């Protein structure tokens, strides 16, 4: 992964960058691949942007745009953990995204619906 990040940074270092400038298709694929790999490791878009020396929204947008063209499935990684929260008086599921968003008090249907919409 470190090599991919270094390749992206090297490619971007040799470019004239600015608002409205376009990346070549190869550069877009390179950025998307590195961003997707970092995202799978659980990194936030902010940290991915910093690592790739790009605005986080640019990294996110390119990753999602190129990812759709790869035929990637519509699955979202979900980790189910019992943290004993129900003992403390709270009920329902707690959904925590890789970027840190937290939604509490969901039932299973609401959690599934939310995950579908966030995909």
PDB file of N, CA and C in Angstrom:
ATOM      1  N   UNK A   1       0.830  -1.192   0.000  1.00  0.00           N
ATOM      2  CA  UNK A   1       0.000   0.000   0.000  1.00  0.00           C
ATOM      3  C   UNK A   1       0.874   1.256   0.000  1.00  0.00           C
ATOM      4  N   UNK A   2       1.971   1.179   0.742  1.00  0.00           N
ATOM      5  CA  UNK A   2       2.863   2.336   0.815  1.00  0.00           C
ATOM      6  C   UNK A   2       3.421   2.674  -0.565  1.00  0.00           C
ATOM      7  N   UNK A   3       3.710   1.642  -1.368  1.00  0.00           N
ATOM      8  CA  UNK A   3       4.220   1.873  -2.724  1.00  0.00           C
ATOM      9  C   UNK A   3       3.185   2.574  -3.595  1.00  0.00           C
ATOM     10  N   UNK A   4       1.912   2.158  -3.457  1.00  0.00           N
ATOM     11  CA  UNK A   4       0.849   2.796  -4.242  1.00  0.00           C
ATOM     12  C   UNK A   4       0.717   4.266  -3.870  1.00  0.00           C
ATOM     13  N   UNK A   5       0.764   4.558  -2.590  1.00  0.00           N
ATOM     14  CA  UNK A   5       0.663   5.947  -2.127  1.00  0.00           C
ATOM     15  C   UNK A   5       1.833   6.756  -2.680  1.00  0.00           C
ATOM     16  N   UNK A   6       3.030   6.193  -2.626  1.00  0.00           N
ATOM     17  CA  UNK A   6       4.204   6.901  -3.153  1.00  0.00           C
ATOM     18  C   UNK A   6       4.108   7.125  -4.665  1.00  0.00           C
ATOM     19  N   UNK A   7       3.550   6.138  -5.393  1.00  0.00           N
ATOM     20  CA  UNK A   7       3.374   6.304  -6.848  1.00  0.00           C
ATOM     21  C   UNK A   7       2.402   7.438  -7.150  1.00  0.00           C
ATOM     22  N   UNK A   8       1.308   7.501  -6.391  1.00  0.00           N
ATOM     23  CA  UNK A   8       0.328   8.574  -6.604  1.00  0.00           C
ATOM     24  C   UNK A   8       0.962   9.926  -6.306  1.00  0.00           C
ATOM     25  N   UNK A   9       1.655  10.025  -5.183  1.00  0.00           N
ATOM     26  CA  UNK A   9       2.281  11.302  -4.818  1.00  0.00           C
ATOM     27  C   UNK A   9       3.317  11.728  -5.857  1.00  0.00           C
ATOM     28  N   UNK A  10       4.084  10.777  -6.392  1.00  0.00           N
ATOM     29  CA  UNK A  10       5.085  11.098  -7.414  1.00  0.00           C
ATOM     30  C   UNK A  10       4.408  11.570  -8.701  1.00  0.00           C
ATOM     31  N   UNK A  11       3.328  10.897  -9.084  1.00  0.00           N
ATOM     32  CA  UNK A  11       2.611  11.301 -10.300  1.00  0.00           C
ATOM     33  C   UNK A  11       2.023  12.694 -10.145  1.00  0.00           C
ATOM     34  N   UNK A  12       1.470  12.981  -8.970  1.00  0.00           N
ATOM     35  CA  UNK A  12       0.862  14.294  -8.744  1.00  0.00           C
ATOM     36  C   UNK A  12       1.906  15.398  -8.631  1.00  0.00           C
ATOM     37  N   UNK A  13       3.095  15.054  -8.149  1.00  0.00           N
ATOM     38  CA  UNK A  13       4.147  16.054  -7.990  1.00  0.00           C
ATOM     39  C   UNK A  13       4.597  16.613  -9.337  1.00  0.00           C
ATOM     40  N   UNK A  14       4.510  15.805 -10.380  1.00  0.00           N
ATOM     41  CA  UNK A  14       4.947  16.247 -11.702  1.00  0.00           C
ATOM     42  C   UNK A  14       3.870  16.930 -12.519  1.00  0.00           C
ATOM     43  N   UNK A  15       2.705  17.165 -11.924  1.00  0.00           N
ATOM     44  CA  UNK A  15       1.587  17.745 -12.667  1.00  0.00           C
ATOM     45  C   UNK A  15       1.356  19.199 -12.273  1.00  0.00           C
ATOM     46  N   UNK A  16       0.825  19.948 -13.226  1.00  0.00           N
ATOM     47  CA  UNK A  16       0.320  21.283 -12.921  1.00  0.00           C
ATOM     48  C   UNK A  16      -1.097  21.069 -12.410  1.00  0.00           C
ATOM     49  N   UNK A  17      -1.347  21.467 -11.175  1.00  0.00           N
ATOM     50  CA  UNK A  17      -2.635  21.198 -10.557  1.00  0.00           C
ATOM     51  C   UNK A  17      -3.361  22.486 -10.259  1.00  0.00           C
ATOM     52  N   UNK A  18      -4.661  22.375 -10.191  1.00  0.00           N
ATOM     53  CA  UNK A  18      -5.481  23.530  -9.852  1.00  0.00           C
ATOM     54  C   UNK A  18      -6.933  23.258 -10.166  1.00  0.00           C
ATOM     55  N   UNK A  19      -7.760  24.169  -9.755  1.00  0.00           N
ATOM     56  CA  UNK A  19      -9.201  24.020  -9.947  1.00  0.00           C
ATOM     57  C   UNK A  19      -9.522  23.891 -11.436  1.00  0.00           C
ATOM     58  N   UNK A  20     -10.323  22.899 -11.786  1.00  0.00           N
ATOM     59  CA  UNK A  20     -10.730  22.701 -13.167  1.00  0.00           C
ATOM     60  C   UNK A  20      -9.779  21.858 -13.993  1.00  0.00           C
ATOM     61  N   UNK A  21      -8.610  21.549 -13.451  1.00  0.00           N
ATOM     62  CA  UNK A  21      -7.666  20.689 -14.185  1.00  0.00           C
ATOM     63  C   UNK A  21      -8.137  19.252 -14.095  1.00  0.00           C
ATOM     64  N   UNK A  22      -7.914  18.498 -15.131  1.00  0.00           N
ATOM     65  CA  UNK A  22      -8.367  17.111 -15.193  1.00  0.00           C
ATOM     66  C   UNK A  22      -7.186  16.159 -15.016  1.00  0.00           C
ATOM     67  N   UNK A  23      -7.467  15.037 -14.389  1.00  0.00           N
ATOM     68  CA  UNK A  23      -6.472  13.969 -14.284  1.00  0.00           C
ATOM     69  C   UNK A  23      -6.658  13.039 -15.472  1.00  0.00           C
ATOM     70  N   UNK A  24      -5.560  12.477 -15.945  1.00  0.00           N
ATOM     71  CA  UNK A  24      -5.652  11.493 -17.027  1.00  0.00           C
ATOM     72  C   UNK A  24      -6.375  10.255 -16.494  1.00  0.00           C
ATOM     73  N   UNK A  25      -6.943   9.450 -17.385  1.00  0.00           N
ATOM     74  CA  UNK A  25      -7.621   8.228 -16.931  1.00  0.00           C
ATOM     75  C   UNK A  25      -6.699   7.313 -16.109  1.00  0.00           C
ATOM     76  N   UNK A  26      -5.435   7.222 -16.517  1.00  0.00           N
ATOM     77  CA  UNK A  26      -4.485   6.387 -15.763  1.00  0.00           C
ATOM     78  C   UNK A  26      -4.260   6.942 -14.356  1.00  0.00           C
ATOM     79  N   UNK A  27      -4.109   8.260 -14.247  1.00  0.00           N
ATOM     80  CA  UNK A  27      -3.920   8.879 -12.928  1.00  0.00           C
ATOM     81  C   UNK A  27      -5.163   8.696 -12.076  1.00  0.00           C
ATOM     82  N   UNK A  28      -6.337   8.818 -12.680  1.00  0.00           N
ATOM     83  CA  UNK A  28      -7.588   8.610 -11.945  1.00  0.00           C
ATOM     84  C   UNK A  28      -7.653   7.192 -11.382  1.00  0.00           C
ATOM     85  N   UNK A  29      -7.287   6.205 -12.207  1.00  0.00           N
ATOM     86  CA  UNK A  29      -7.295   4.811 -11.749  1.00  0.00           C
ATOM     87  C   UNK A  29      -6.274   4.597 -10.632  1.00  0.00           C
ATOM     88  N   UNK A  30      -5.113   5.222 -10.758  1.00  0.00           N
ATOM     89  CA  UNK A  30      -4.075   5.086  -9.746  1.00  0.00           C
ATOM     90  C   UNK A  30      -4.541   5.670  -8.406  1.00  0.00           C
ATOM     91  N   UNK A  31      -5.142   6.865  -8.457  1.00  0.00           N
ATOM     92  CA  UNK A  31      -5.649   7.514  -7.250  1.00  0.00           C
ATOM     93  C   UNK A  31      -6.760   6.658  -6.638  1.00  0.00           C
ATOM     94  N   UNK A  32      -7.684   6.198  -7.485  1.00  0.00           N
ATOM     95  CA  UNK A  32      -8.814   5.399  -6.995  1.00  0.00           C
ATOM     96  C   UNK A  32      -8.342   4.100  -6.349  1.00  0.00           C
ATOM     97  N   UNK A  33      -7.366   3.453  -6.953  1.00  0.00           N
ATOM     98  CA  UNK A  33      -6.851   2.200  -6.388  1.00  0.00           C
ATOM     99  C   UNK A  33      -6.211   2.404  -5.029  1.00  0.00           C
ATOM    100  N   UNK A  34      -5.387   3.444  -4.915  1.00  0.00           N
ATOM    101  CA  UNK A  34      -4.743   3.729  -3.639  1.00  0.00           C
ATOM    102  C   UNK A  34      -5.778   4.135  -2.589  1.00  0.00           C
ATOM    103  N   UNK A  35      -6.725   4.980  -2.983  1.00  0.00           N
ATOM    104  CA  UNK A  35      -7.757   5.438  -2.046  1.00  0.00           C
ATOM    105  C   UNK A  35      -8.620   4.271  -1.581  1.00  0.00           C
ATOM    106  N   UNK A  36      -8.988   3.385  -2.495  1.00  0.00           N
ATOM    107  CA  UNK A  36      -9.812   2.227  -2.124  1.00  0.00           C
ATOM    108  C   UNK A  36      -9.061   1.319  -1.154  1.00  0.00           C
ATOM    109  N   UNK A  37      -7.783   1.111  -1.408  1.00  0.00           N
ATOM    110  CA  UNK A  37      -6.983   0.283  -0.506  1.00  0.00           C
ATOM    111  C   UNK A  37      -6.883   0.880   0.885  1.00  0.00           C
ATOM    112  N   UNK A  38      -6.676   2.190   0.943  1.00  0.00           N
ATOM    113  CA  UNK A  38      -6.598   2.860   2.238  1.00  0.00           C
ATOM    114  C   UNK A  38      -7.947   2.843   2.944  1.00  0.00           C
ATOM    115  N   UNK A  39      -9.018   2.989   2.174  1.00  0.00           N
ATOM    116  CA  UNK A  39     -10.363   2.976   2.757  1.00  0.00           C
ATOM    117  C   UNK A  39     -10.677   1.603   3.341  1.00  0.00           C
ATOM    118  N   UNK A  40     -10.250   0.545   2.645  1.00  0.00           N
ATOM    119  CA  UNK A  40     -10.461  -0.811   3.148  1.00  0.00           C
ATOM    120  C   UNK A  40      -9.702  -1.054   4.441  1.00  0.00           C
ATOM    121  N   UNK A  41      -8.628  -0.307   4.663  1.00  0.00           N
ATOM    122  CA  UNK A  41      -7.881  -0.402   5.916  1.00  0.00           C
ATOM    123  C   UNK A  41      -8.569   0.373   7.036  1.00  0.00           C
ATOM    124  N   UNK A  42      -9.668   1.069   6.694  1.00  0.00           N
ATOM    125  CA  UNK A  42     -10.426   1.790   7.714  1.00  0.00           C
ATOM    126  C   UNK A  42     -10.055   3.248   7.872  1.00  0.00           C
ATOM    127  N   UNK A  43      -9.291   3.778   6.937  1.00  0.00           N
ATOM    128  CA  UNK A  43      -8.880   5.183   7.035  1.00  0.00           C
ATOM    129  C   UNK A  43     -10.014   6.111   6.624  1.00  0.00           C
ATOM    130  N   UNK A  44     -10.027   7.296   7.213  1.00  0.00           N
ATOM    131  CA  UNK A  44     -11.034   8.308   6.874  1.00  0.00           C
ATOM    132  C   UNK A  44     -10.640   8.981   5.568  1.00  0.00           C
ATOM    133  N   UNK A  45     -11.617   9.637   4.932  1.00  0.00           N
ATOM    134  CA  UNK A  45     -11.316  10.369   3.693  1.00  0.00           C
ATOM    135  C   UNK A  45     -10.339  11.503   3.979  1.00  0.00           C
ATOM    136  N   UNK A  46     -10.407  12.097   5.151  1.00  0.00           N
ATOM    137  CA  UNK A  46      -9.478  13.175   5.497  1.00  0.00           C
ATOM    138  C   UNK A  46      -8.045  12.653   5.524  1.00  0.00           C
ATOM    139  N   UNK A  47      -7.822  11.511   6.186  1.00  0.00           N
ATOM    140  CA  UNK A  47      -6.454  10.978   6.243  1.00  0.00           C
ATOM    141  C   UNK A  47      -5.996  10.483   4.869  1.00  0.00           C
ATOM    142  N   UNK A  48      -6.916   9.931   4.071  1.00  0.00           N
ATOM    143  CA  UNK A  48      -6.559   9.496   2.718  1.00  0.00           C
ATOM    144  C   UNK A  48      -6.129  10.687   1.885  1.00  0.00           C
ATOM    145  N   UNK A  49      -6.884  11.778   1.962  1.00  0.00           N
ATOM    146  CA  UNK A  49      -6.513  12.989   1.235  1.00  0.00           C
ATOM    147  C   UNK A  49      -5.140  13.498   1.630  1.00  0.00           C
ATOM    148  N   UNK A  50      -4.872  13.487   2.920  1.00  0.00           N
ATOM    149  CA  UNK A  50      -3.553  13.943   3.387  1.00  0.00           C
ATOM    150  C   UNK A  50      -2.441  13.039   2.887  1.00  0.00           C
ATOM    151  N   UNK A  51      -2.686  11.721   2.948  1.00  0.00           N
ATOM    152  CA  UNK A  51      -1.655  10.776   2.507  1.00  0.00           C
ATOM    153  C   UNK A  51      -1.373  10.900   1.015  1.00  0.00           C
ATOM    154  N   UNK A  52      -2.422  11.151   0.221  1.00  0.00           N
ATOM    155  CA  UNK A  52      -2.258  11.238  -1.236  1.00  0.00           C
ATOM    156  C   UNK A  52      -1.962  12.650  -1.719  1.00  0.00           C
ATOM    157  N   UNK A  53      -1.959  13.614  -0.813  1.00  0.00           N
ATOM    158  CA  UNK A  53      -1.745  15.018  -1.138  1.00  0.00           C
ATOM    159  C   UNK A  53      -2.831  15.530  -2.084  1.00  0.00           C
ATOM    160  N   UNK A  54      -4.079  15.219  -1.716  1.00  0.00           N
ATOM    161  CA  UNK A  54      -5.255  15.648  -2.477  1.00  0.00           C
ATOM    162  C   UNK A  54      -6.315  16.145  -1.511  1.00  0.00           C
ATOM    163  N   UNK A  55      -7.226  16.990  -1.983  1.00  0.00           N
ATOM    164  CA  UNK A  55      -8.384  17.297  -1.140  1.00  0.00           C
ATOM    165  C   UNK A  55      -9.154  15.995  -0.874  1.00  0.00           C
ATOM    166  N   UNK A  56      -9.617  15.783   0.351  1.00  0.00           N
ATOM    167  CA  UNK A  56     -10.322  14.536   0.666  1.00  0.00           C
ATOM    168  C   UNK A  56     -11.516  14.263  -0.243  1.00  0.00           C
ATOM    169  N   UNK A  57     -12.246  15.291  -0.612  1.00  0.00           N
ATOM    170  CA  UNK A  57     -13.423  15.101  -1.469  1.00  0.00           C
ATOM    171  C   UNK A  57     -13.008  14.630  -2.863  1.00  0.00           C
ATOM    172  N   UNK A  58     -11.878  15.094  -3.356  1.00  0.00           N
ATOM    173  CA  UNK A  58     -11.386  14.647  -4.664  1.00  0.00           C
ATOM    174  C   UNK A  58     -11.036  13.166  -4.609  1.00  0.00           C
ATOM    175  N   UNK A  59     -10.345  12.750  -3.554  1.00  0.00           N
ATOM    176  CA  UNK A  59      -9.995  11.333  -3.404  1.00  0.00           C
ATOM    177  C   UNK A  59     -11.258  10.482  -3.313  1.00  0.00           C
ATOM    178  N   UNK A  60     -12.240  10.926  -2.533  1.00  0.00           N
ATOM    179  CA  UNK A  60     -13.488  10.178  -2.369  1.00  0.00           C
ATOM    180  C   UNK A  60     -14.239  10.063  -3.689  1.00  0.00           C
ATOM    181  N   UNK A  61     -14.372  11.183  -4.379  1.00  0.00           N
ATOM    182  CA  UNK A  61     -15.125  11.220  -5.638  1.00  0.00           C
ATOM    183  C   UNK A  61     -14.482  10.326  -6.694  1.00  0.00           C
ATOM    184  N   UNK A  62     -13.151  10.405  -6.825  1.00  0.00           N
ATOM    185  CA  UNK A  62     -12.467   9.570  -7.814  1.00  0.00           C
ATOM    186  C   UNK A  62     -12.564   8.101  -7.453  1.00  0.00           C
ATOM    187  N   UNK A  63     -12.447   7.784  -6.188  1.00  0.00           N
ATOM    188  CA  UNK A  63     -12.536   6.400  -5.745  1.00  0.00           C
ATOM    189  C   UNK A  63     -13.914   5.829  -6.062  1.00  0.00           C
ATOM    190  N   UNK A  64     -14.950   6.579  -5.775  1.00  0.00           N
ATOM    191  CA  UNK A  64     -16.304   6.098  -6.026  1.00  0.00           C
ATOM    192  C   UNK A  64     -16.609   6.031  -7.517  1.00  0.00           C
ATOM    193  N   UNK A  65     -16.145   7.004  -8.285  1.00  0.00           N
ATOM    194  CA  UNK A  65     -16.426   7.032  -9.726  1.00  0.00           C
ATOM    195  C   UNK A  65     -15.741   5.872 -10.437  1.00  0.00           C
ATOM    196  N   UNK A  66     -14.485   5.638 -10.131  1.00  0.00           N
ATOM    197  CA  UNK A  66     -13.749   4.565 -10.790  1.00  0.00           C
ATOM    198  C   UNK A  66     -14.208   3.220 -10.247  1.00  0.00           C
ATOM    199  N   UNK A  67     -14.550   3.154  -8.959  1.00  0.00           N
ATOM    200  CA  UNK A  67     -15.013   1.912  -8.348  1.00  0.00           C
ATOM    201  C   UNK A  67     -16.276   1.388  -8.993  1.00  0.00           C
ATOM    202  N   UNK A  68     -17.162   2.290  -9.414  1.00  0.00           N
ATOM    203  CA  UNK A  68     -18.401   1.855 -10.071  1.00  0.00           C
ATOM    204  C   UNK A  68     -18.091   1.174 -11.391  1.00  0.00           C
ATOM    205  N   UNK A  69     -17.051   1.634 -12.070  1.00  0.00           N
ATOM    206  CA  UNK A  69     -16.687   1.050 -13.345  1.00  0.00           C
ATOM    207  C   UNK A  69     -15.983  -0.287 -13.217  1.00  0.00           C
ATOM    208  N   UNK A  70     -15.527  -0.656 -12.031  1.00  0.00           N
ATOM    209  CA  UNK A  70     -14.812  -1.910 -11.833  1.00  0.00           C
ATOM    210  C   UNK A  70     -15.748  -3.081 -11.615  1.00  0.00           C
ATOM    211  N   UNK A  71     -17.038  -2.806 -11.525  1.00  0.00           N
ATOM    212  CA  UNK A  71     -17.966  -3.893 -11.272  1.00  0.00           C
ATOM    213  C   UNK A  71     -17.914  -4.376  -9.838  1.00  0.00           C
ATOM    214  N   UNK A  72     -17.529  -3.525  -8.922  1.00  0.00           N
ATOM    215  CA  UNK A  72     -17.475  -3.908  -7.524  1.00  0.00           C
ATOM    216  C   UNK A  72     -18.882  -4.172  -7.027  1.00  0.00           C
ATOM    217  N   UNK A  73     -18.995  -5.117  -6.147  1.00  0.00           N
ATOM    218  CA  UNK A  73     -20.288  -5.477  -5.583  1.00  0.00           C
ATOM    219  C   UNK A  73     -20.831  -4.368  -4.706  1.00  0.00           C
ATOM    220  N   UNK A  74     -22.072  -4.527  -4.325  1.00  0.00           N
ATOM    221  CA  UNK A  74     -22.716  -3.537  -3.487  1.00  0.00           C
ATOM    222  C   UNK A  74     -22.627  -3.878  -2.022  1.00  0.00           C
ATOM    223  N   UNK A  75     -21.649  -4.659  -1.619  1.00  0.00           N
ATOM    224  CA  UNK A  75     -21.537  -5.069  -0.230  1.00  0.00           C
ATOM    225  C   UNK A  75     -20.757  -4.050   0.587  1.00  0.00           C
ATOM    226  N   UNK A  76     -21.169  -3.898   1.816  1.00  0.00           N
ATOM    227  CA  UNK A  76     -20.498  -3.021   2.763  1.00  0.00           C
ATOM    228  C   UNK A  76     -19.999  -3.894   3.898  1.00  0.00           C
ATOM    229  N   UNK A  77     -18.739  -3.738   4.277  1.00  0.00           N
ATOM    230  CA  UNK A  77     -18.190  -4.523   5.370  1.00  0.00           C
ATOM    231  C   UNK A  77     -18.870  -4.115   6.669  1.00  0.00           C
ATOM    232  N   UNK A  78     -19.380  -5.081   7.391  1.00  0.00           N
ATOM    233  CA  UNK A  78     -20.073  -4.820   8.648  1.00  0.00           C
ATOM    234  C   UNK A  78     -19.433  -5.683   9.724  1.00  0.00           C
ATOM    235  N   UNK A  79     -19.131  -5.091  10.849  1.00  0.00           N
ATOM    236  CA  UNK A  79     -18.608  -5.823  11.989  1.00  0.00           C
ATOM    237  C   UNK A  79     -19.654  -5.746  13.090  1.00  0.00           C
ATOM    238  N   UNK A  80     -20.078  -6.891  13.567  1.00  0.00           N
ATOM    239  CA  UNK A  80     -21.062  -6.942  14.643  1.00  0.00           C
ATOM    240  C   UNK A  80     -20.311  -7.243  15.927  1.00  0.00           C
ATOM    241  N   UNK A  81     -20.489  -6.367  16.902  1.00  0.00           N
ATOM    242  CA  UNK A  81     -19.789  -6.538  18.171  1.00  0.00           C
ATOM    243  C   UNK A  81     -20.759  -6.329  19.318  1.00  0.00           C
ATOM    244  N   UNK A  82     -20.615  -7.131  20.353  1.00  0.00           N
ATOM    245  CA  UNK A  82     -21.428  -6.984  21.553  1.00  0.00           C
ATOM    246  C   UNK A  82     -20.580  -6.233  22.570  1.00  0.00           C
ATOM    247  N   UNK A  83     -20.913  -4.963  22.778  1.00  0.00           N
ATOM    248  CA  UNK A  83     -20.142  -4.167  23.731  1.00  0.00           C
ATOM    249  C   UNK A  83     -20.823  -4.061  25.088  1.00  0.00           C
ATOM    250  N   UNK A  84     -21.903  -4.818  25.295  1.00  0.00           N
ATOM    251  CA  UNK A  84     -22.594  -4.807  26.572  1.00  0.00           C
ATOM    252  C   UNK A  84     -23.392  -3.544  26.826  1.00  0.00           C
ATOM    253  N   UNK A  85     -23.688  -2.770  25.786  1.00  0.00           N
ATOM    254  CA  UNK A  85     -24.391  -1.495  25.952  1.00  0.00           C
ATOM    255  C   UNK A  85     -25.806  -1.687  26.479  1.00  0.00           C
ATOM    256  N   UNK A  86     -26.431  -2.818  26.142  1.00  0.00           N
ATOM    257  CA  UNK A  86     -27.815  -3.038  26.588  1.00  0.00           C
ATOM    258  C   UNK A  86     -27.904  -3.116  28.101  1.00  0.00           C
ATOM    259  N   UNK A  87     -26.838  -3.544  28.761  1.00  0.00           N
ATOM    260  CA  UNK A  87     -26.835  -3.617  30.217  1.00  0.00           C
ATOM    261  C   UNK A  87     -26.896  -2.238  30.844  1.00  0.00           C
ATOM    262  N   UNK A  88     -26.394  -1.236  30.141  1.00  0.00           N
ATOM    263  CA  UNK A  88     -26.364   0.119  30.675  1.00  0.00           C
ATOM    264  C   UNK A  88     -27.664   0.871  30.492  1.00  0.00           C
ATOM    265  N   UNK A  89     -28.715   0.203  30.042  1.00  0.00           N
ATOM    266  CA  UNK A  89     -30.008   0.855  29.899  1.00  0.00           C
ATOM    267  C   UNK A  89     -30.328   1.272  28.480  1.00  0.00           C
ATOM    268  N   UNK A  90     -29.353   1.281  27.575  1.00  0.00           N
ATOM    269  CA  UNK A  90     -29.633   1.636  26.191  1.00  0.00           C
ATOM    270  C   UNK A  90     -30.110   0.405  25.454  1.00  0.00           C
ATOM    271  N   UNK A  91     -30.935   0.628  24.469  1.00  0.00           N
ATOM    272  CA  UNK A  91     -31.377  -0.501  23.659  1.00  0.00           C
ATOM    273  C   UNK A  91     -31.204  -0.148  22.199  1.00  0.00           C
ATOM    274  N   UNK A  92     -31.174  -1.159  21.351  1.00  0.00           N
ATOM    275  CA  UNK A  92     -31.020  -0.934  19.923  1.00  0.00           C
ATOM    276  C   UNK A  92     -29.579  -1.089  19.496  1.00  0.00           C
ATOM    277  N   UNK A  93     -29.414  -1.075  18.196  1.00  0.00           N
ATOM    278  CA  UNK A  93     -28.083  -1.212  17.606  1.00  0.00           C
ATOM    279  C   UNK A  93     -27.385   0.134  17.555  1.00  0.00           C
ATOM    280  N   UNK A  94     -26.073   0.083  17.478  1.00  0.00           N
ATOM    281  CA  UNK A  94     -25.262   1.278  17.284  1.00  0.00           C
ATOM    282  C   UNK A  94     -24.468   1.066  16.008  1.00  0.00           C
ATOM    283  N   UNK A  95     -24.590   1.978  15.072  1.00  0.00           N
ATOM    284  CA  UNK A  95     -23.873   1.906  13.806  1.00  0.00           C
ATOM    285  C   UNK A  95     -22.759   2.938  13.849  1.00  0.00           C
ATOM    286  N   UNK A  96     -21.511   2.494  13.658  1.00  0.00           N
ATOM    287  CA  UNK A  96     -20.357   3.393  13.641  1.00  0.00           C
ATOM    288  C   UNK A  96     -19.669   3.221  12.299  1.00  0.00           C
ATOM    289  N   UNK A  97     -19.543   4.321  11.541  1.00  0.00           N
ATOM    290  CA  UNK A  97     -18.926   4.252  10.218  1.00  0.00           C
ATOM    291  C   UNK A  97     -17.406   4.312  10.343  1.00  0.00           C
ATOM    292  N   UNK A  98     -16.669   3.894   9.308  1.00  0.00           N
ATOM    293  CA  UNK A  98     -15.209   3.999   9.337  1.00  0.00           C
ATOM    294  C   UNK A  98     -14.720   5.436   9.520  1.00  0.00           C
ATOM    295  N   UNK A  99     -15.523   6.410   9.064  1.00  0.00           N
ATOM    296  CA  UNK A  99     -15.101   7.804   9.214  1.00  0.00           C
ATOM    297  C   UNK A  99     -15.524   8.405  10.546  1.00  0.00           C
ATOM    298  N   UNK A 100     -16.201   7.613  11.406  1.00  0.00           N
ATOM    299  CA  UNK A 100     -16.480   8.071  12.759  1.00  0.00           C
ATOM    300  C   UNK A 100     -17.907   8.486  13.054  1.00  0.00           C
ATOM    301  N   UNK A 101     -18.790   8.456  12.063  1.00  0.00           N
ATOM    302  CA  UNK A 101     -20.185   8.781  12.339  1.00  0.00           C
ATOM    303  C   UNK A 101     -20.777   7.692  13.222  1.00  0.00           C
ATOM    304  N   UNK A 102     -21.603   8.098  14.176  1.00  0.00           N
ATOM    305  CA  UNK A 102     -22.205   7.151  15.113  1.00  0.00           C
ATOM    306  C   UNK A 102     -23.708   7.397  15.178  1.00  0.00           C
ATOM    307  N   UNK A 103     -24.497   6.336  14.958  1.00  0.00           N
ATOM    308  CA  UNK A 103     -25.952   6.417  15.038  1.00  0.00           C
ATOM    309  C   UNK A 103     -26.392   5.350  16.032  1.00  0.00           C
ATOM    310  N   UNK A 104     -27.110   5.760  17.067  1.00  0.00           N
ATOM    311  CA  UNK A 104     -27.511   4.833  18.129  1.00  0.00           C
ATOM    312  C   UNK A 104     -29.015   4.619  18.139  1.00  0.00           C
ATOM    313  N   UNK A 105     -29.449   3.503  18.752  1.00  0.00           N
ATOM    314  CA  UNK A 105     -30.853   3.228  18.982  1.00  0.00           C
ATOM    315  C   UNK A 105     -31.607   2.681  17.791  1.00  0.00           C
ATOM    316  N   UNK A 106     -30.908   2.067  16.853  1.00  0.00           N
ATOM    317  CA  UNK A 106     -31.559   1.524  15.662  1.00  0.00           C
ATOM    318  C   UNK A 106     -32.043   0.100  15.912  1.00  0.00           C
ATOM    319  N   UNK A 107     -33.104  -0.279  15.222  1.00  0.00           N
ATOM    320  CA  UNK A 107     -33.442  -1.701  15.198  1.00  0.00           C
ATOM    321  C   UNK A 107     -32.762  -2.286  13.952  1.00  0.00           C
ATOM    322  N   UNK A 108     -32.857  -3.598  13.775  1.00  0.00           N
ATOM    323  CA  UNK A 108     -32.138  -4.256  12.680  1.00  0.00           C
ATOM    324  C   UNK A 108     -32.581  -3.741  11.317  1.00  0.00           C
ATOM    325  N   UNK A 109     -33.886  -3.506  11.136  1.00  0.00           N
ATOM    326  CA  UNK A 109     -34.391  -3.024   9.846  1.00  0.00           C
ATOM    327  C   UNK A 109     -33.875  -1.615   9.542  1.00  0.00           C
ATOM    328  N   UNK A 110     -33.863  -0.751  10.543  1.00  0.00           N
ATOM    329  CA  UNK A 110     -33.364   0.611  10.348  1.00  0.00           C
ATOM    330  C   UNK A 110     -31.875   0.606  10.026  1.00  0.00           C
ATOM    331  N   UNK A 111     -31.106  -0.241  10.715  1.00  0.00           N
ATOM    332  CA  UNK A 111     -29.666  -0.328  10.449  1.00  0.00           C
ATOM    333  C   UNK A 111     -29.413  -0.812   9.027  1.00  0.00           C
ATOM    334  N   UNK A 112     -30.159  -1.827   8.590  1.00  0.00           N
ATOM    335  CA  UNK A 112     -30.003  -2.343   7.226  1.00  0.00           C
ATOM    336  C   UNK A 112     -30.357  -1.272   6.203  1.00  0.00           C
ATOM    337  N   UNK A 113     -31.427  -0.530   6.448  1.00  0.00           N
ATOM    338  CA  UNK A 113     -31.841   0.544   5.541  1.00  0.00           C
ATOM    339  C   UNK A 113     -30.770   1.630   5.464  1.00  0.00           C
ATOM    340  N   UNK A 114     -30.221   2.003   6.607  1.00  0.00           N
ATOM    341  CA  UNK A 114     -29.181   3.032   6.634  1.00  0.00           C
ATOM    342  C   UNK A 114     -27.941   2.574   5.885  1.00  0.00           C
ATOM    343  N   UNK A 115     -27.517   1.337   6.103  1.00  0.00           N
ATOM    344  CA  UNK A 115     -26.353   0.818   5.387  1.00  0.00           C
ATOM    345  C   UNK A 115     -26.578   0.793   3.888  1.00  0.00           C
ATOM    346  N   UNK A 116     -27.801   0.462   3.465  1.00  0.00           N
ATOM    347  CA  UNK A 116     -28.140   0.450   2.041  1.00  0.00           C
ATOM    348  C   UNK A 116     -28.039   1.844   1.458  1.00  0.00           C
ATOM    349  N   UNK A 117     -28.532   2.823   2.192  1.00  0.00           N
ATOM    350  CA  UNK A 117     -28.511   4.209   1.693  1.00  0.00           C
ATOM    351  C   UNK A 117     -27.114   4.801   1.665  1.00  0.00           C
ATOM    352  N   UNK A 118     -26.245   4.389   2.570  1.00  0.00           N
ATOM    353  CA  UNK A 118     -24.883   4.928   2.638  1.00  0.00           C
ATOM    354  C   UNK A 118     -23.944   4.285   1.633  1.00  0.00           C
ATOM    355  N   UNK A 119     -24.348   3.220   1.020  1.00  0.00           N
ATOM    356  CA  UNK A 119     -23.517   2.476   0.102  1.00  0.00           C
ATOM    357  C   UNK A 119     -22.980   3.311  -0.991  1.00  0.00           C
TER     358      UNK A 119
END
